[in-house]
Amino acid sequence: MFIQTESTPNPATLKFLPGQSVLGTGTADFPSADTAGPSPLAQRIFAVNGVTGVFLGADFVTVTKEGTQEWDVLKAPVLGAIMEHFQSGQPTMESAAAESAHADHDGENDEVVTQIKELLDTRVRPAVAQDGGDIVFHGFDRGVVYLHMQGACAGCPSSTLTLKMGIENLLRHYIPEVVEVRPVAA
């Protein structure tokens, strides 16, 4: 098994591409070892000393390291953990459901929310997935779109710029009701 790696805009994260499906559809974010229970793959990766976050995408795994650790030291054990997992035949997730790509929110802005989600799915999510992350819609209230960055995008030095200059400008261009985009914590 050959696993490729790619750097991300976030120097604390590295994207691992095992050359096969990881989740198939959806994403799963494990910001700490305590949250990795539903994923045997995430549990194996967290067993590597210095790993602080694991994010699973359709065909990639993004791993976040402690600030004091070096990728030169961590890369081989993480590669080994991913390889061991896929050779074991265990599922990536114990339950069939991965985390939802969007939080559910109802309200009087259903048409606007539908447009926002469609733009996020077609224009934004593929771009942030290329960088090893994902974006989750959390709500729309009085012209403000609330989003949560995951994976490599969480904590990335350029995530604020991505939200404000990229996503906010895109949404404002296509949806006049949108006036601002704000990040939210999980």
N, C-alpha and C. Protein backbone atom coordinates (compact mmCIF):
# COMPACT_ATOMS: atom_id res chain seq x y z
N MET A 1 0.86 -1.18 0.00
CA MET A 1 0.00 0.00 0.00
C MET A 1 0.89 1.23 0.00
N PHE A 2 0.60 2.15 -0.90
CA PHE A 2 1.35 3.40 -1.00
C PHE A 2 0.45 4.54 -0.56
N ILE A 3 0.88 5.29 0.44
CA ILE A 3 0.11 6.41 0.96
C ILE A 3 0.86 7.70 0.62
N GLN A 4 0.20 8.57 -0.12
CA GLN A 4 0.80 9.86 -0.45
C GLN A 4 0.52 10.85 0.67
N THR A 5 1.38 11.84 0.78
CA THR A 5 1.15 12.93 1.73
C THR A 5 1.18 14.25 0.97
N GLU A 6 0.42 15.19 1.46
CA GLU A 6 0.41 16.55 0.91
C GLU A 6 0.44 17.53 2.07
N SER A 7 1.19 18.60 1.88
CA SER A 7 1.17 19.65 2.88
C SER A 7 -0.15 20.41 2.73
N THR A 8 -0.53 21.13 3.77
CA THR A 8 -1.73 21.95 3.77
C THR A 8 -1.33 23.38 4.11
N PRO A 9 -2.22 24.35 3.92
CA PRO A 9 -1.88 25.72 4.33
C PRO A 9 -1.61 25.84 5.83
N ASN A 10 -2.09 24.88 6.61
CA ASN A 10 -1.87 24.89 8.05
C ASN A 10 -0.60 24.08 8.34
N PRO A 11 0.47 24.70 8.82
CA PRO A 11 1.72 23.97 9.05
C PRO A 11 1.62 22.87 10.13
N ALA A 12 0.58 22.91 10.95
CA ALA A 12 0.41 21.90 11.99
C ALA A 12 -0.31 20.66 11.47
N THR A 13 -0.77 20.67 10.21
CA THR A 13 -1.50 19.53 9.68
C THR A 13 -0.84 18.99 8.42
N LEU A 14 -1.06 17.71 8.19
CA LEU A 14 -0.57 17.03 7.00
C LEU A 14 -1.71 16.16 6.47
N LYS A 15 -1.87 16.13 5.16
CA LYS A 15 -2.94 15.37 4.52
C LYS A 15 -2.37 14.05 4.01
N PHE A 16 -3.01 12.94 4.37
CA PHE A 16 -2.58 11.60 3.97
C PHE A 16 -3.61 11.03 3.00
N LEU A 17 -3.15 10.56 1.85
CA LEU A 17 -4.03 10.01 0.81
C LEU A 17 -3.70 8.53 0.62
N PRO A 18 -4.52 7.63 1.19
CA PRO A 18 -4.22 6.21 1.13
C PRO A 18 -4.50 5.55 -0.22
N GLY A 19 -5.05 6.30 -1.18
CA GLY A 19 -5.33 5.74 -2.49
C GLY A 19 -6.57 4.86 -2.52
N GLN A 20 -7.40 4.97 -1.51
CA GLN A 20 -8.67 4.25 -1.46
C GLN A 20 -9.64 5.04 -0.60
N SER A 21 -10.88 4.61 -0.59
CA SER A 21 -11.92 5.31 0.15
C SER A 21 -11.62 5.27 1.65
N VAL A 22 -11.77 6.41 2.30
CA VAL A 22 -11.64 6.48 3.76
C VAL A 22 -13.04 6.44 4.36
N LEU A 23 -13.89 7.40 4.01
CA LEU A 23 -15.28 7.41 4.47
C LEU A 23 -16.27 7.19 3.33
N GLY A 24 -15.86 7.43 2.13
CA GLY A 24 -16.78 7.33 1.01
C GLY A 24 -17.57 8.62 0.84
N THR A 25 -18.44 8.93 1.80
CA THR A 25 -19.18 10.19 1.77
C THR A 25 -19.13 10.81 3.16
N GLY A 26 -19.29 12.12 3.20
CA GLY A 26 -19.30 12.83 4.48
C GLY A 26 -17.90 13.00 5.04
N THR A 27 -17.87 13.53 6.25
CA THR A 27 -16.61 13.76 6.95
C THR A 27 -16.79 13.40 8.42
N ALA A 28 -15.69 13.24 9.11
CA ALA A 28 -15.73 13.02 10.56
C ALA A 28 -14.54 13.76 11.17
N ASP A 29 -14.81 14.57 12.16
CA ASP A 29 -13.79 15.39 12.80
C ASP A 29 -13.58 14.92 14.22
N PHE A 30 -12.32 14.64 14.57
CA PHE A 30 -11.96 14.20 15.91
C PHE A 30 -10.91 15.18 16.44
N PRO A 31 -11.35 16.24 17.13
CA PRO A 31 -10.42 17.27 17.60
C PRO A 31 -9.56 16.85 18.78
N SER A 32 -9.85 15.67 19.36
CA SER A 32 -9.02 15.16 20.46
C SER A 32 -9.16 13.64 20.53
N ALA A 33 -8.24 13.00 21.21
CA ALA A 33 -8.29 11.55 21.36
C ALA A 33 -9.56 11.10 22.06
N ASP A 34 -10.09 11.92 22.95
CA ASP A 34 -11.31 11.58 23.69
C ASP A 34 -12.53 11.42 22.77
N THR A 35 -12.48 12.04 21.61
CA THR A 35 -13.63 11.99 20.70
C THR A 35 -13.50 10.89 19.65
N ALA A 36 -12.40 10.15 19.63
CA ALA A 36 -12.11 9.17 18.57
C ALA A 36 -12.81 7.83 18.74
N GLY A 37 -13.61 7.64 19.77
CA GLY A 37 -14.26 6.37 20.06
C GLY A 37 -14.95 5.69 18.90
N PRO A 38 -15.71 6.42 18.08
CA PRO A 38 -16.43 5.75 16.99
C PRO A 38 -15.55 5.33 15.80
N SER A 39 -14.27 5.69 15.82
CA SER A 39 -13.42 5.40 14.67
C SER A 39 -12.16 4.63 15.06
N PRO A 40 -12.08 3.35 14.68
CA PRO A 40 -10.85 2.58 14.92
C PRO A 40 -9.64 3.22 14.23
N LEU A 41 -9.85 3.82 13.05
CA LEU A 41 -8.74 4.48 12.36
C LEU A 41 -8.23 5.67 13.16
N ALA A 42 -9.14 6.53 13.62
CA ALA A 42 -8.72 7.70 14.41
C ALA A 42 -8.05 7.25 15.70
N GLN A 43 -8.55 6.20 16.33
CA GLN A 43 -7.93 5.70 17.56
C GLN A 43 -6.47 5.28 17.31
N ARG A 44 -6.22 4.59 16.20
CA ARG A 44 -4.85 4.16 15.87
C ARG A 44 -3.93 5.37 15.67
N ILE A 45 -4.45 6.38 14.98
CA ILE A 45 -3.62 7.55 14.70
C ILE A 45 -3.34 8.32 15.99
N PHE A 46 -4.34 8.44 16.86
CA PHE A 46 -4.13 9.14 18.13
C PHE A 46 -3.14 8.40 19.03
N ALA A 47 -2.92 7.12 18.79
CA ALA A 47 -1.95 6.36 19.58
C ALA A 47 -0.52 6.83 19.30
N VAL A 48 -0.33 7.57 18.21
CA VAL A 48 0.98 8.13 17.89
C VAL A 48 1.20 9.36 18.77
N ASN A 49 2.26 9.35 19.55
CA ASN A 49 2.57 10.46 20.44
C ASN A 49 2.79 11.75 19.65
N GLY A 50 2.07 12.80 20.00
CA GLY A 50 2.21 14.09 19.34
C GLY A 50 1.05 14.45 18.44
N VAL A 51 0.12 13.51 18.20
CA VAL A 51 -1.05 13.78 17.37
C VAL A 51 -2.13 14.43 18.24
N THR A 52 -2.68 15.55 17.75
CA THR A 52 -3.71 16.26 18.53
C THR A 52 -5.06 16.32 17.83
N GLY A 53 -5.14 15.93 16.55
CA GLY A 53 -6.40 15.97 15.84
C GLY A 53 -6.38 15.07 14.62
N VAL A 54 -7.54 14.48 14.31
CA VAL A 54 -7.69 13.63 13.13
C VAL A 54 -8.99 14.04 12.44
N PHE A 55 -8.92 14.21 11.14
CA PHE A 55 -10.08 14.55 10.33
C PHE A 55 -10.15 13.57 9.17
N LEU A 56 -11.31 12.94 8.99
CA LEU A 56 -11.49 11.95 7.94
C LEU A 56 -12.38 12.52 6.84
N GLY A 57 -11.91 12.41 5.60
CA GLY A 57 -12.70 12.83 4.45
C GLY A 57 -13.05 11.64 3.60
N ALA A 58 -13.60 11.88 2.44
CA ALA A 58 -14.02 10.81 1.55
C ALA A 58 -12.85 9.90 1.18
N ASP A 59 -11.71 10.50 0.84
CA ASP A 59 -10.57 9.71 0.41
C ASP A 59 -9.25 10.19 1.01
N PHE A 60 -9.33 10.89 2.13
CA PHE A 60 -8.11 11.39 2.77
C PHE A 60 -8.26 11.43 4.29
N VAL A 61 -7.10 11.52 4.95
CA VAL A 61 -7.03 11.67 6.40
C VAL A 61 -6.14 12.88 6.66
N THR A 62 -6.61 13.83 7.44
CA THR A 62 -5.80 14.97 7.82
C THR A 62 -5.44 14.82 9.29
N VAL A 63 -4.15 14.96 9.59
CA VAL A 63 -3.66 14.78 10.95
C VAL A 63 -3.04 16.09 11.43
N THR A 64 -3.40 16.49 12.65
CA THR A 64 -2.86 17.69 13.27
C THR A 64 -1.91 17.27 14.38
N LYS A 65 -0.77 17.96 14.46
CA LYS A 65 0.26 17.62 15.44
C LYS A 65 0.39 18.72 16.50
N GLU A 66 1.02 18.34 17.62
CA GLU A 66 1.37 19.33 18.63
C GLU A 66 2.38 20.30 18.02
N GLY A 67 2.36 21.52 18.49
CA GLY A 67 3.25 22.54 17.96
C GLY A 67 4.73 22.23 18.11
N THR A 68 5.11 21.50 19.15
CA THR A 68 6.52 21.22 19.39
C THR A 68 7.05 20.03 18.59
N GLN A 69 6.15 19.23 18.03
CA GLN A 69 6.55 18.05 17.26
C GLN A 69 6.95 18.45 15.83
N GLU A 70 7.78 17.62 15.21
CA GLU A 70 8.19 17.84 13.83
C GLU A 70 7.60 16.76 12.94
N TRP A 71 7.16 17.11 11.74
CA TRP A 71 6.61 16.13 10.82
C TRP A 71 7.65 15.09 10.43
N ASP A 72 8.92 15.47 10.41
CA ASP A 72 9.98 14.50 10.08
C ASP A 72 9.96 13.32 11.05
N VAL A 73 9.57 13.56 12.29
CA VAL A 73 9.52 12.52 13.31
C VAL A 73 8.16 11.80 13.30
N LEU A 74 7.08 12.54 13.11
CA LEU A 74 5.72 11.98 13.21
C LEU A 74 5.22 11.28 11.96
N LYS A 75 5.71 11.67 10.81
CA LYS A 75 5.15 11.18 9.55
C LYS A 75 5.19 9.65 9.44
N ALA A 76 6.31 9.03 9.73
CA ALA A 76 6.43 7.57 9.59
C ALA A 76 5.48 6.81 10.52
N PRO A 77 5.39 7.16 11.83
CA PRO A 77 4.44 6.44 12.68
C PRO A 77 2.98 6.64 12.26
N VAL A 78 2.63 7.83 11.77
CA VAL A 78 1.26 8.07 11.31
C VAL A 78 0.99 7.23 10.06
N LEU A 79 1.93 7.21 9.12
CA LEU A 79 1.79 6.36 7.94
C LEU A 79 1.60 4.90 8.34
N GLY A 80 2.38 4.46 9.31
CA GLY A 80 2.27 3.09 9.80
C GLY A 80 0.91 2.79 10.41
N ALA A 81 0.38 3.74 11.17
CA ALA A 81 -0.94 3.56 11.80
C ALA A 81 -2.03 3.46 10.73
N ILE A 82 -1.95 4.31 9.71
CA ILE A 82 -2.95 4.28 8.64
C ILE A 82 -2.85 2.96 7.87
N MET A 83 -1.64 2.54 7.56
CA MET A 83 -1.44 1.30 6.83
C MET A 83 -1.93 0.09 7.63
N GLU A 84 -1.61 0.06 8.91
CA GLU A 84 -2.08 -1.03 9.79
C GLU A 84 -3.60 -1.10 9.79
N HIS A 85 -4.23 0.07 9.86
CA HIS A 85 -5.69 0.08 9.89
C HIS A 85 -6.27 -0.55 8.63
N PHE A 86 -5.82 -0.09 7.47
CA PHE A 86 -6.40 -0.61 6.23
C PHE A 86 -6.07 -2.08 6.01
N GLN A 87 -4.94 -2.55 6.50
CA GLN A 87 -4.59 -3.96 6.38
C GLN A 87 -5.38 -4.82 7.36
N SER A 88 -5.87 -4.23 8.45
CA SER A 88 -6.60 -4.97 9.47
C SER A 88 -8.01 -5.37 9.00
N GLY A 89 -8.55 -4.63 8.04
CA GLY A 89 -9.90 -4.91 7.58
C GLY A 89 -10.99 -4.30 8.46
N GLN A 90 -10.61 -3.58 9.50
CA GLN A 90 -11.59 -2.92 10.37
C GLN A 90 -12.27 -1.78 9.62
N PRO A 91 -13.50 -1.45 9.99
CA PRO A 91 -14.15 -0.29 9.36
C PRO A 91 -13.51 1.00 9.85
N THR A 92 -13.65 2.04 9.06
CA THR A 92 -13.15 3.35 9.46
C THR A 92 -13.97 3.91 10.62
N MET A 93 -15.28 3.68 10.54
CA MET A 93 -16.19 4.13 11.59
C MET A 93 -16.98 2.93 12.08
N GLU A 94 -17.19 2.84 13.39
CA GLU A 94 -17.99 1.75 13.96
C GLU A 94 -19.45 1.87 13.56
N SER A 95 -19.97 3.09 13.58
CA SER A 95 -21.35 3.29 13.13
C SER A 95 -21.30 3.73 11.68
N ALA A 96 -22.33 3.42 10.94
CA ALA A 96 -22.33 3.71 9.51
C ALA A 96 -22.42 5.20 9.21
N ALA A 97 -22.91 5.98 10.15
CA ALA A 97 -23.13 7.40 9.88
C ALA A 97 -21.90 8.23 10.22
N ALA A 98 -21.40 8.93 9.23
CA ALA A 98 -20.35 9.92 9.48
C ALA A 98 -21.05 11.21 9.90
N GLU A 99 -20.27 12.17 10.38
CA GLU A 99 -20.87 13.44 10.79
C GLU A 99 -21.52 14.12 9.60
N SER A 100 -22.57 14.83 9.87
CA SER A 100 -23.27 15.55 8.82
C SER A 100 -22.42 16.70 8.32
N ALA A 101 -22.55 16.98 7.06
CA ALA A 101 -21.81 18.09 6.48
C ALA A 101 -22.40 19.43 6.89
N HIS A 102 -23.66 19.43 7.28
CA HIS A 102 -24.32 20.68 7.67
C HIS A 102 -25.18 20.42 8.90
N ALA A 103 -25.12 21.35 9.82
CA ALA A 103 -26.03 21.28 10.96
C ALA A 103 -27.44 21.61 10.46
N ASP A 104 -28.44 21.07 11.10
CA ASP A 104 -29.81 21.34 10.68
C ASP A 104 -30.32 22.59 11.37
N HIS A 105 -30.86 23.49 10.56
CA HIS A 105 -31.45 24.71 11.10
C HIS A 105 -32.69 25.04 10.29
N ASP A 106 -33.78 25.19 10.96
CA ASP A 106 -35.02 25.57 10.30
C ASP A 106 -35.30 27.02 10.61
N GLY A 107 -36.20 27.59 9.87
CA GLY A 107 -36.57 28.97 10.17
C GLY A 107 -37.19 29.62 8.96
N GLU A 108 -37.41 30.92 9.10
CA GLU A 108 -38.08 31.65 8.05
C GLU A 108 -37.19 31.87 6.84
N ASN A 109 -35.90 31.61 6.94
CA ASN A 109 -34.96 31.83 5.84
C ASN A 109 -34.64 30.54 5.08
N ASP A 110 -35.58 29.60 5.01
CA ASP A 110 -35.31 28.30 4.40
C ASP A 110 -34.76 28.40 2.98
N GLU A 111 -35.32 29.28 2.16
CA GLU A 111 -34.84 29.41 0.78
C GLU A 111 -33.41 29.94 0.74
N VAL A 112 -33.11 30.92 1.56
CA VAL A 112 -31.75 31.48 1.61
C VAL A 112 -30.79 30.42 2.14
N VAL A 113 -31.18 29.69 3.18
CA VAL A 113 -30.33 28.64 3.75
C VAL A 113 -30.06 27.57 2.71
N THR A 114 -31.06 27.20 1.93
CA THR A 114 -30.87 26.21 0.86
C THR A 114 -29.85 26.71 -0.15
N GLN A 115 -29.93 27.99 -0.53
CA GLN A 115 -28.97 28.57 -1.47
C GLN A 115 -27.56 28.59 -0.87
N ILE A 116 -27.45 28.95 0.41
CA ILE A 116 -26.14 28.98 1.08
C ILE A 116 -25.54 27.58 1.08
N LYS A 117 -26.31 26.59 1.48
CA LYS A 117 -25.80 25.22 1.54
C LYS A 117 -25.38 24.71 0.16
N GLU A 118 -26.16 25.07 -0.86
CA GLU A 118 -25.82 24.64 -2.22
C GLU A 118 -24.49 25.25 -2.67
N LEU A 119 -24.29 26.54 -2.41
CA LEU A 119 -23.02 27.18 -2.77
C LEU A 119 -21.86 26.58 -1.97
N LEU A 120 -22.08 26.32 -0.68
CA LEU A 120 -21.03 25.70 0.12
C LEU A 120 -20.67 24.33 -0.43
N ASP A 121 -21.69 23.53 -0.79
CA ASP A 121 -21.44 22.18 -1.30
C ASP A 121 -20.76 22.17 -2.66
N THR A 122 -21.15 23.09 -3.54
CA THR A 122 -20.63 23.05 -4.91
C THR A 122 -19.36 23.86 -5.12
N ARG A 123 -19.20 24.94 -4.40
CA ARG A 123 -18.06 25.83 -4.64
C ARG A 123 -17.01 25.82 -3.53
N VAL A 124 -17.45 25.74 -2.28
CA VAL A 124 -16.52 25.92 -1.16
C VAL A 124 -15.95 24.60 -0.66
N ARG A 125 -16.82 23.64 -0.38
CA ARG A 125 -16.35 22.37 0.21
C ARG A 125 -15.32 21.65 -0.65
N PRO A 126 -15.47 21.60 -1.98
CA PRO A 126 -14.42 20.94 -2.77
C PRO A 126 -13.06 21.64 -2.63
N ALA A 127 -13.08 22.96 -2.52
CA ALA A 127 -11.82 23.70 -2.38
C ALA A 127 -11.16 23.45 -1.03
N VAL A 128 -11.94 23.48 0.05
CA VAL A 128 -11.33 23.25 1.36
C VAL A 128 -10.95 21.78 1.54
N ALA A 129 -11.63 20.87 0.86
CA ALA A 129 -11.24 19.45 0.90
C ALA A 129 -9.87 19.26 0.26
N GLN A 130 -9.56 20.05 -0.76
CA GLN A 130 -8.24 19.98 -1.39
C GLN A 130 -7.15 20.32 -0.38
N ASP A 131 -7.48 21.16 0.58
CA ASP A 131 -6.53 21.55 1.62
C ASP A 131 -6.61 20.66 2.85
N GLY A 132 -7.43 19.60 2.79
CA GLY A 132 -7.51 18.65 3.91
C GLY A 132 -8.49 19.04 4.99
N GLY A 133 -9.50 19.81 4.63
CA GLY A 133 -10.46 20.23 5.64
C GLY A 133 -11.89 20.17 5.14
N ASP A 134 -12.76 20.78 5.91
CA ASP A 134 -14.17 20.84 5.57
C ASP A 134 -14.75 22.06 6.26
N ILE A 135 -15.96 22.41 5.84
CA ILE A 135 -16.65 23.55 6.42
C ILE A 135 -18.08 23.10 6.73
N VAL A 136 -18.57 23.48 7.90
CA VAL A 136 -19.89 23.06 8.34
C VAL A 136 -20.76 24.29 8.55
N PHE A 137 -21.93 24.28 7.94
CA PHE A 137 -22.90 25.35 8.10
C PHE A 137 -23.55 25.22 9.47
N HIS A 138 -23.58 26.31 10.24
CA HIS A 138 -24.20 26.28 11.56
C HIS A 138 -25.43 27.16 11.69
N GLY A 139 -25.62 28.06 10.74
CA GLY A 139 -26.83 28.86 10.83
C GLY A 139 -26.76 30.13 10.01
N PHE A 140 -27.92 30.75 9.89
CA PHE A 140 -28.07 32.03 9.19
C PHE A 140 -29.05 32.86 9.99
N ASP A 141 -28.61 34.04 10.43
CA ASP A 141 -29.45 34.89 11.25
C ASP A 141 -29.15 36.36 10.95
N ARG A 142 -30.18 37.09 10.53
CA ARG A 142 -30.07 38.53 10.26
C ARG A 142 -28.90 38.88 9.34
N GLY A 143 -28.76 38.11 8.27
CA GLY A 143 -27.73 38.39 7.28
C GLY A 143 -26.37 37.78 7.57
N VAL A 144 -26.23 37.16 8.73
CA VAL A 144 -24.93 36.58 9.12
C VAL A 144 -24.96 35.06 8.96
N VAL A 145 -23.96 34.53 8.23
CA VAL A 145 -23.81 33.09 8.05
C VAL A 145 -22.77 32.62 9.06
N TYR A 146 -23.11 31.59 9.82
CA TYR A 146 -22.20 31.03 10.83
C TYR A 146 -21.65 29.70 10.31
N LEU A 147 -20.31 29.62 10.24
CA LEU A 147 -19.64 28.44 9.70
C LEU A 147 -18.57 27.94 10.67
N HIS A 148 -18.31 26.65 10.61
CA HIS A 148 -17.25 26.04 11.42
C HIS A 148 -16.25 25.36 10.50
N MET A 149 -14.98 25.70 10.64
CA MET A 149 -13.91 25.10 9.85
C MET A 149 -13.41 23.85 10.57
N GLN A 150 -13.14 22.77 9.80
CA GLN A 150 -12.67 21.52 10.38
C GLN A 150 -11.41 21.04 9.67
N GLY A 151 -10.75 20.06 10.28
CA GLY A 151 -9.57 19.45 9.68
C GLY A 151 -8.43 20.45 9.59
N ALA A 152 -7.75 20.46 8.46
CA ALA A 152 -6.61 21.35 8.28
C ALA A 152 -7.02 22.81 8.36
N CYS A 153 -8.27 23.10 8.06
CA CYS A 153 -8.75 24.48 8.05
C CYS A 153 -8.95 25.04 9.46
N ALA A 154 -9.18 24.16 10.43
CA ALA A 154 -9.36 24.62 11.81
C ALA A 154 -8.00 25.05 12.35
N GLY A 155 -7.90 26.27 12.78
CA GLY A 155 -6.65 26.75 13.34
C GLY A 155 -5.62 27.16 12.31
N CYS A 156 -5.97 27.10 11.03
CA CYS A 156 -5.04 27.49 9.98
C CYS A 156 -4.86 29.00 10.01
N PRO A 157 -3.63 29.47 9.85
CA PRO A 157 -3.40 30.92 9.87
C PRO A 157 -4.22 31.66 8.80
N SER A 158 -4.52 31.01 7.69
CA SER A 158 -5.26 31.70 6.63
C SER A 158 -6.76 31.45 6.68
N SER A 159 -7.28 30.78 7.73
CA SER A 159 -8.71 30.47 7.76
C SER A 159 -9.58 31.72 7.86
N THR A 160 -9.15 32.73 8.58
CA THR A 160 -9.93 33.97 8.68
C THR A 160 -10.00 34.64 7.32
N LEU A 161 -8.88 34.66 6.61
CA LEU A 161 -8.85 35.23 5.27
C LEU A 161 -9.75 34.44 4.34
N THR A 162 -9.72 33.10 4.45
CA THR A 162 -10.59 32.25 3.63
C THR A 162 -12.05 32.58 3.90
N LEU A 163 -12.41 32.68 5.18
CA LEU A 163 -13.81 32.99 5.53
C LEU A 163 -14.22 34.36 5.03
N LYS A 164 -13.43 35.36 5.31
CA LYS A 164 -13.81 36.74 5.01
C LYS A 164 -13.67 37.09 3.52
N MET A 165 -12.51 36.85 2.95
CA MET A 165 -12.26 37.28 1.58
C MET A 165 -12.81 36.29 0.55
N GLY A 166 -12.80 35.02 0.89
CA GLY A 166 -13.26 34.02 -0.07
C GLY A 166 -14.73 33.70 0.06
N ILE A 167 -15.09 33.07 1.15
CA ILE A 167 -16.46 32.58 1.32
C ILE A 167 -17.46 33.73 1.46
N GLU A 168 -17.12 34.72 2.28
CA GLU A 168 -18.06 35.84 2.46
C GLU A 168 -18.31 36.56 1.14
N ASN A 169 -17.26 36.83 0.38
CA ASN A 169 -17.44 37.51 -0.90
C ASN A 169 -18.26 36.67 -1.87
N LEU A 170 -18.02 35.36 -1.91
CA LEU A 170 -18.78 34.48 -2.79
C LEU A 170 -20.26 34.49 -2.43
N LEU A 171 -20.56 34.29 -1.14
CA LEU A 171 -21.96 34.24 -0.70
C LEU A 171 -22.65 35.59 -0.91
N ARG A 172 -21.97 36.68 -0.63
CA ARG A 172 -22.57 38.01 -0.81
C ARG A 172 -22.85 38.29 -2.28
N HIS A 173 -21.98 37.78 -3.15
CA HIS A 173 -22.16 37.99 -4.59
C HIS A 173 -23.43 37.31 -5.10
N TYR A 174 -23.65 36.07 -4.68
CA TYR A 174 -24.78 35.29 -5.20
C TYR A 174 -26.06 35.43 -4.38
N ILE A 175 -25.93 35.79 -3.10
CA ILE A 175 -27.10 35.85 -2.22
C ILE A 175 -27.12 37.22 -1.53
N PRO A 176 -27.93 38.15 -2.03
CA PRO A 176 -27.93 39.52 -1.48
C PRO A 176 -28.28 39.59 0.01
N GLU A 177 -29.00 38.59 0.52
CA GLU A 177 -29.39 38.60 1.94
C GLU A 177 -28.19 38.40 2.88
N VAL A 178 -27.11 37.86 2.35
CA VAL A 178 -25.90 37.61 3.17
C VAL A 178 -25.10 38.90 3.26
N VAL A 179 -24.81 39.32 4.51
CA VAL A 179 -24.00 40.52 4.71
C VAL A 179 -22.66 40.22 5.37
N GLU A 180 -22.55 39.05 6.05
CA GLU A 180 -21.32 38.73 6.77
C GLU A 180 -21.23 37.23 6.99
N VAL A 181 -19.98 36.74 7.13
CA VAL A 181 -19.73 35.35 7.50
C VAL A 181 -18.89 35.39 8.78
N ARG A 182 -19.30 34.59 9.77
CA ARG A 182 -18.57 34.54 11.05
C ARG A 182 -18.24 33.08 11.38
N PRO A 183 -17.04 32.88 11.95
CA PRO A 183 -16.69 31.53 12.38
C PRO A 183 -17.34 31.20 13.71
N VAL A 184 -17.61 29.92 13.94
CA VAL A 184 -18.09 29.45 15.24
C VAL A 184 -17.23 28.29 15.68
N ALA A 185 -17.14 28.10 16.99
CA ALA A 185 -16.43 26.95 17.53
C ALA A 185 -17.39 25.77 17.50
N ALA A 186 -16.84 24.57 17.47
CA ALA A 186 -17.67 23.36 17.37
C ALA A 186 -18.62 23.24 18.52
